């Protein structure tokens, strides 16, 4: 796509989307993923995850660390587009079209809350849900049931919330078997929208402090993501800038 930039290192190209959400065509099948500093670090050691990200039709820069790194490495300004932004945009668009969306992931309780909230806020939407088993690896039978549930509903948009990197890998593995126009992995957005997990305040989001809000609200889960991988990410970006020649394919 023409509205893409490259965050490049050691021959790996992450084509970051630099357009507006309303410029994304929903007429043909596309896979949308997001990247932040945590997923960047994990993908360095996980080839399957890295392939899922680089194979995305659209890769959204979902993190101020990624936005700042792109500017630091290339001088180009891009804007953060979060999974929440994508989710709300697709809901609004599909509601106007009386479209269909499907939620794969999370637990029955969270999915039920999502359905109730959607009925109030987007009454023209048809909504399908499926909660798969909570397991580190899905069996062949699990995968067949998930795909069958999605395709029986035939959604315009499929939202996958299996946590990263599991959700991106699953999407990449089965995208050709899935009947949906838009396939997007949005992880924590399920809990944010269901309000089972509180998203940081608008003030913190607007002032680029969402990461701090998530860390403070759930330190036992988030400390490793921000306090451990944060410095590793900064070190890697500095290496790209000062020790590895930048090669842009734009």
Protein backbone atom coordinates (compact mmCIF):
# COMPACT_ATOMS: atom_id res chain seq x y z
CA UNK A 1 0.00 0.00 0.00
CA UNK A 2 1.23 3.48 -0.72
CA UNK A 3 0.67 4.83 2.79
CA UNK A 4 3.35 2.71 4.40
CA UNK A 5 6.73 3.33 5.97
CA UNK A 6 9.47 0.97 7.02
CA UNK A 7 10.91 0.27 10.45
CA UNK A 8 13.86 -1.79 9.29
CA UNK A 9 16.53 -3.82 11.03
CA UNK A 10 18.71 -6.78 10.10
CA UNK A 11 16.80 -7.29 6.86
CA UNK A 12 13.36 -7.28 8.54
CA UNK A 13 10.81 -4.84 7.16
CA UNK A 14 7.85 -3.82 9.27
CA UNK A 15 5.62 -1.83 6.93
CA UNK A 16 3.87 0.60 9.24
CA UNK A 17 0.56 2.01 8.09
CA UNK A 18 0.63 5.78 7.83
CA UNK A 19 -2.82 6.58 6.49
CA UNK A 20 -6.19 7.19 8.10
CA UNK A 21 -8.53 4.41 9.09
CA UNK A 22 -11.17 5.66 6.66
CA UNK A 23 -8.71 5.05 3.81
CA UNK A 24 -8.71 1.31 4.43
CA UNK A 25 -10.75 -0.58 1.85
CA UNK A 26 -13.13 -3.18 3.26
CA UNK A 27 -14.08 -4.59 -0.13
CA UNK A 28 -11.59 -7.46 -0.24
CA UNK A 29 -10.04 -9.70 2.40
CA UNK A 30 -7.34 -8.01 4.45
CA UNK A 31 -5.44 -9.00 7.58
CA UNK A 32 -4.76 -6.18 10.04
CA UNK A 33 -2.32 -6.51 12.93
CA UNK A 34 -0.72 -4.07 15.33
CA UNK A 35 2.85 -3.68 16.54
CA UNK A 36 4.18 -2.11 19.71
CA UNK A 37 7.52 -2.20 21.48
CA UNK A 38 6.67 -5.44 23.27
CA UNK A 39 5.65 -7.32 20.13
CA UNK A 40 8.72 -5.94 18.34
CA UNK A 41 10.96 -7.49 21.01
CA UNK A 42 9.11 -10.82 21.08
CA UNK A 43 9.18 -11.08 17.28
CA UNK A 44 12.97 -10.75 17.26
CA UNK A 45 13.17 -14.25 18.75
CA UNK A 46 9.94 -15.75 17.42
CA UNK A 47 10.18 -16.33 13.66
CA UNK A 48 6.55 -17.45 13.31
CA UNK A 49 5.30 -14.32 15.04
CA UNK A 50 7.65 -12.14 13.00
CA UNK A 51 6.34 -13.70 9.79
CA UNK A 52 2.75 -13.03 10.87
CA UNK A 53 3.54 -9.35 11.44
CA UNK A 54 5.52 -8.85 8.23
CA UNK A 55 2.81 -10.68 6.25
CA UNK A 56 0.06 -8.32 7.46
CA UNK A 57 -1.80 -6.42 4.78
CA UNK A 58 -1.91 -3.54 7.25
CA UNK A 59 0.33 -3.18 10.29
CA UNK A 60 -0.81 -0.44 12.65
CA UNK A 61 1.72 1.39 14.86
CA UNK A 62 0.00 0.77 18.19
CA UNK A 63 2.46 2.37 20.57
CA UNK A 64 4.26 5.64 21.11
CA UNK A 65 7.54 3.73 21.20
CA UNK A 66 7.01 2.60 17.62
CA UNK A 67 5.96 6.08 16.50
CA UNK A 68 9.03 7.67 18.10
CA UNK A 69 11.34 4.98 16.71
CA UNK A 70 10.10 5.55 13.17
CA UNK A 71 10.78 9.26 13.47
CA UNK A 72 14.17 8.65 15.13
CA UNK A 73 15.26 6.18 12.45
CA UNK A 74 13.80 7.78 9.33
CA UNK A 75 12.80 11.34 10.21
CA UNK A 76 9.23 10.52 9.13
CA UNK A 77 6.25 11.38 11.29
CA UNK A 78 3.55 8.80 11.74
CA UNK A 79 0.67 8.65 14.18
CA UNK A 80 -0.29 5.97 16.66
CA UNK A 81 -3.36 3.95 15.70
CA UNK A 82 -4.43 1.62 18.46
CA UNK A 83 -6.41 -1.59 18.33
CA UNK A 84 -9.16 0.31 20.11
CA UNK A 85 -9.20 2.93 17.34
CA UNK A 86 -9.50 0.20 14.71
CA UNK A 87 -12.21 -1.62 16.61
CA UNK A 88 -14.42 1.44 17.06
CA UNK A 89 -13.92 2.51 13.44
CA UNK A 90 -14.98 -0.88 12.11
CA UNK A 91 -17.97 -1.03 14.44
CA UNK A 92 -19.16 2.39 13.32
CA UNK A 93 -18.64 1.59 9.65
CA UNK A 94 -20.36 -1.77 9.79
CA UNK A 95 -23.23 -0.41 11.88
CA UNK A 96 -23.93 2.12 9.13
CA UNK A 97 -23.95 -0.75 6.62
CA UNK A 98 -25.98 -3.15 8.79
CA UNK A 99 -22.95 -5.42 8.69
CA UNK A 100 -21.77 -8.41 10.70
CA UNK A 101 -18.87 -8.86 13.11
CA UNK A 102 -17.56 -11.87 14.98
CA UNK A 103 -15.54 -12.05 18.22
CA UNK A 104 -13.20 -15.00 18.65
CA UNK A 105 -11.49 -15.31 22.02
CA UNK A 106 -11.82 -14.43 25.69
CA UNK A 107 -14.34 -16.03 28.03
CA UNK A 108 -18.11 -16.38 27.77
CA UNK A 109 -18.68 -13.70 30.42
CA UNK A 110 -16.62 -11.07 28.57
CA UNK A 111 -18.20 -11.96 25.23
CA UNK A 112 -21.67 -11.65 26.74
CA UNK A 113 -20.84 -8.15 28.02
CA UNK A 114 -19.55 -7.19 24.58
CA UNK A 115 -22.78 -8.39 22.97
CA UNK A 116 -24.96 -6.41 25.41
CA UNK A 117 -22.92 -3.24 24.91
CA UNK A 118 -22.96 -3.59 21.12
CA UNK A 119 -26.74 -3.96 21.14
CA UNK A 120 -27.00 -0.55 22.82
CA UNK A 121 -24.29 1.31 20.91
CA UNK A 122 -24.45 -0.32 17.47
CA UNK A 123 -27.99 -1.68 17.11
CA UNK A 124 -27.71 -2.37 13.37
CA UNK A 125 -24.86 -4.84 13.80
CA UNK A 126 -25.24 -8.60 13.74
CA UNK A 127 -22.84 -10.10 16.27
CA UNK A 128 -21.36 -13.58 16.52
CA UNK A 129 -19.17 -14.87 19.35
CA UNK A 130 -17.07 -17.93 20.14
CA UNK A 131 -14.98 -18.63 23.21
CA UNK A 132 -12.32 -21.25 22.47
CA UNK A 133 -10.67 -23.44 25.12
CA UNK A 134 -8.13 -21.73 27.34
CA UNK A 135 -4.98 -23.56 26.29
CA UNK A 136 -1.49 -22.72 25.11
CA UNK A 137 -1.95 -24.77 21.92
CA UNK A 138 -5.19 -25.47 20.09
CA UNK A 139 -5.87 -28.98 18.86
CA UNK A 140 -6.91 -29.70 15.27
CA UNK A 141 -10.45 -30.20 16.54
CA UNK A 142 -10.35 -26.83 18.34
CA UNK A 143 -9.22 -25.09 15.16
CA UNK A 144 -11.87 -26.79 13.03
CA UNK A 145 -14.63 -25.74 15.44
CA UNK A 146 -13.38 -22.14 15.54
CA UNK A 147 -13.21 -21.85 11.77
CA UNK A 148 -16.60 -23.52 11.35
CA UNK A 149 -18.23 -21.10 13.81
CA UNK A 150 -16.75 -18.09 12.02
CA UNK A 151 -17.66 -19.25 8.53
CA UNK A 152 -21.18 -20.26 9.51
CA UNK A 153 -21.72 -16.65 10.61
CA UNK A 154 -19.87 -15.24 7.55
CA UNK A 155 -18.85 -11.92 9.17
CA UNK A 156 -17.64 -8.75 7.51
CA UNK A 157 -15.10 -8.32 10.31
CA UNK A 158 -13.48 -10.93 12.52
CA UNK A 159 -12.00 -9.67 15.79
CA UNK A 160 -9.48 -12.06 17.34
CA UNK A 161 -8.63 -11.73 21.02
CA UNK A 162 -6.33 -14.64 21.87
CA UNK A 163 -3.44 -12.47 23.18
CA UNK A 164 -0.22 -11.85 21.31
CA UNK A 165 1.59 -13.60 19.72
CA UNK A 166 -0.95 -16.43 19.68
CA UNK A 167 -3.65 -14.43 17.89
CA UNK A 168 -1.39 -13.19 15.09
CA UNK A 169 0.00 -16.67 14.48
CA UNK A 170 -3.50 -18.16 14.37
CA UNK A 171 -4.69 -15.50 11.96
CA UNK A 172 -1.72 -16.08 9.66
CA UNK A 173 -2.15 -19.85 9.73
CA UNK A 174 -5.84 -19.93 8.94
CA UNK A 175 -6.58 -16.70 7.06
CA UNK A 176 -7.14 -18.52 3.77
CA UNK A 177 -9.77 -20.75 5.38
CA UNK A 178 -11.68 -17.90 7.00
CA UNK A 179 -14.65 -16.22 5.32
CA UNK A 180 -14.34 -12.64 6.54
CA UNK A 181 -13.47 -9.43 4.74
CA UNK A 182 -11.39 -8.04 7.59
CA UNK A 183 -9.40 -10.18 10.00
CA UNK A 184 -7.82 -8.27 12.86
CA UNK A 185 -6.05 -9.25 16.05
CA UNK A 186 -6.89 -6.76 18.79
CA UNK A 187 -6.11 -8.60 22.03
CA UNK A 188 -6.79 -6.45 25.08
CA UNK A 189 -9.52 -4.51 23.26
CA UNK A 190 -12.01 -7.25 24.16
CA UNK A 191 -11.56 -6.50 27.86
CA UNK A 192 -11.40 -2.74 27.33
CA UNK A 193 -14.68 -2.70 25.43
CA UNK A 194 -16.40 -5.09 27.84
CA UNK A 195 -15.00 -2.95 30.68
CA UNK A 196 -13.69 -6.02 32.49
CA UNK A 197 -10.35 -4.20 32.37
CA UNK A 198 -10.31 -0.42 32.61
CA UNK A 199 -8.40 1.39 29.88
CA UNK A 200 -6.25 4.33 31.06
CA UNK A 201 -8.01 7.70 31.08
CA UNK A 202 -8.35 9.85 27.99
CA UNK A 203 -5.91 12.29 29.59
CA UNK A 204 -3.22 9.62 29.81
CA UNK A 205 -3.92 8.36 26.29
CA UNK A 206 -3.85 11.88 24.82
CA UNK A 207 -0.62 12.68 26.66
CA UNK A 208 1.13 9.51 25.47
CA UNK A 209 1.05 7.93 28.92
CA UNK A 210 -1.24 4.99 28.23
CA UNK A 211 1.61 2.59 28.95
CA UNK A 212 2.04 4.09 32.42
CA UNK A 213 -1.66 3.79 33.14
CA UNK A 214 -1.65 0.11 32.18
CA UNK A 215 1.46 -0.52 34.28
CA UNK A 216 0.03 1.16 37.37
CA UNK A 217 -3.36 -0.56 37.04
CA UNK A 218 -1.90 -4.04 36.63
CA UNK A 219 1.78 -4.08 37.67
CA UNK A 220 2.00 -7.85 38.22
CA UNK A 221 1.08 -8.49 34.60
CA UNK A 222 2.55 -5.45 32.89
CA UNK A 223 5.88 -4.88 34.62
CA UNK A 224 7.74 -7.26 32.35
CA UNK A 225 6.26 -5.71 29.21
CA UNK A 226 7.31 -2.17 30.11
CA UNK A 227 10.11 -2.36 32.67
CA UNK A 228 11.97 -5.33 31.22
CA UNK A 229 11.26 -5.15 27.48
CA UNK A 230 11.14 -1.34 27.41
CA UNK A 231 14.92 -0.91 27.91
CA UNK A 232 15.60 -3.81 25.53
CA UNK A 233 13.50 -2.08 22.87
CA UNK A 234 15.31 1.23 23.34
CA UNK A 235 18.66 -0.54 23.05
CA UNK A 236 17.60 -2.27 19.83
CA UNK A 237 16.42 1.00 18.28
CA UNK A 238 19.68 2.71 19.21
CA UNK A 239 21.57 -0.15 17.56
CA UNK A 240 19.53 0.31 14.39
CA UNK A 241 20.27 4.01 14.38
CA UNK A 242 23.97 4.00 15.16
CA UNK A 243 25.34 0.57 14.33
CA UNK A 244 23.19 -0.95 11.57
CA UNK A 245 22.85 0.90 8.23
CA UNK A 246 19.22 1.82 7.59
CA UNK A 247 17.89 0.58 4.28
CA UNK A 248 14.51 1.90 3.20
CA UNK A 249 12.51 0.14 0.53
CA UNK A 250 9.98 2.96 0.15
